[in-house]
Protein backbone atom coordinates (compact mmCIF):
# COMPACT_ATOMS: atom_id res chain seq x y z
CA MET A 1 -206.05 -89.80 -63.48
CA ASN A 2 -203.04 -90.93 -62.19
CA LEU A 3 -199.68 -89.72 -63.94
CA HIS A 4 -196.69 -91.89 -63.86
CA TRP A 5 -193.33 -89.86 -64.79
CA GLU A 6 -190.65 -91.96 -65.70
CA ASP A 7 -187.65 -91.21 -64.36
CA GLY A 8 -185.00 -89.05 -65.95
CA PHE A 9 -187.68 -87.25 -68.13
CA SER A 10 -187.37 -84.36 -70.09
CA ILE A 11 -189.93 -82.91 -72.06
CA LYS A 12 -189.48 -79.10 -74.11
CA VAL A 13 -192.12 -77.71 -76.01
CA GLU A 14 -191.43 -74.62 -77.91
CA THR A 15 -192.96 -72.99 -81.42
CA MET A 16 -191.22 -72.13 -84.04
CA GLY A 17 -193.54 -70.23 -86.69
CA ASP A 18 -196.45 -72.33 -87.51
CA GLU A 19 -195.24 -75.27 -85.84
CA VAL A 20 -195.10 -76.79 -82.24
CA VAL A 21 -192.23 -78.89 -81.74
CA ILE A 22 -192.07 -81.37 -78.67
CA SER A 23 -188.34 -82.38 -77.95
CA ALA A 24 -187.97 -85.44 -75.36
CA ASN A 25 -185.34 -87.64 -74.11
CA ARG A 26 -186.43 -91.64 -73.73
CA GLU A 27 -188.24 -91.40 -70.58
CA GLY A 28 -189.97 -88.48 -71.82
CA LEU A 29 -191.50 -89.72 -74.93
CA LEU A 30 -192.50 -92.94 -72.75
CA SER A 31 -193.98 -90.62 -70.04
CA LEU A 32 -195.93 -88.41 -72.47
CA ALA A 33 -196.98 -92.34 -74.11
CA ASN A 34 -198.54 -93.21 -70.51
CA HIS A 35 -200.28 -90.00 -69.96
CA LEU A 36 -201.70 -90.21 -74.10
CA ARG A 37 -203.18 -93.86 -72.89
CA GLY A 38 -204.49 -92.76 -69.69
CA LEU A 39 -206.08 -90.36 -71.31
CA ALA A 40 -207.83 -92.21 -73.85
CA GLU A 41 -209.73 -94.23 -71.51
CA GLU A 42 -211.41 -90.56 -69.68
CA GLU A 43 -214.21 -89.27 -70.16
CA PRO A 44 -214.56 -86.28 -73.09
CA GLY A 45 -213.46 -83.15 -71.76
CA THR A 46 -210.55 -84.33 -70.01
CA HIS A 47 -207.68 -82.67 -69.94
CA LEU A 48 -203.82 -82.30 -68.87
CA HIS A 49 -201.97 -79.18 -68.82
CA LEU A 50 -198.31 -79.79 -68.82
CA ASP A 51 -196.38 -76.54 -68.21
CA ALA A 52 -192.65 -75.80 -66.86
CA TYR A 53 -194.02 -75.19 -63.26
CA ASN A 54 -194.93 -79.06 -63.38
CA SER A 55 -193.26 -80.74 -65.37
CA LEU A 56 -191.56 -79.47 -68.37
CA GLU A 57 -188.39 -78.05 -68.88
CA ASP A 58 -187.89 -74.62 -68.37
CA GLY A 59 -188.60 -72.10 -70.89
CA SER A 60 -191.57 -74.61 -72.87
CA LYS A 61 -194.62 -73.51 -73.81
CA GLU A 62 -198.00 -74.56 -72.06
CA LEU A 63 -199.33 -78.15 -73.49
CA VAL A 64 -202.97 -78.94 -73.10
CA LEU A 65 -203.84 -82.24 -73.99
CA VAL A 66 -207.59 -83.26 -74.05
CA LYS A 67 -209.96 -85.98 -74.61
CA ILE A 68 -212.78 -85.50 -77.20
């Protein structure tokens, strides 16, 4: 799956108690929307791993998106 990132994207994933909070600027939200759209077209079991080492802001929790 080819991921397209909007220039200037910023995405942070945090946990607050039992909640998962995804904070993103406009470019980050558009990037996530694109990734979800692409993932929707893939086979079940296809997944994306996003973390602070490859796309999320420092201190972010890992985010795994899975097509079921």
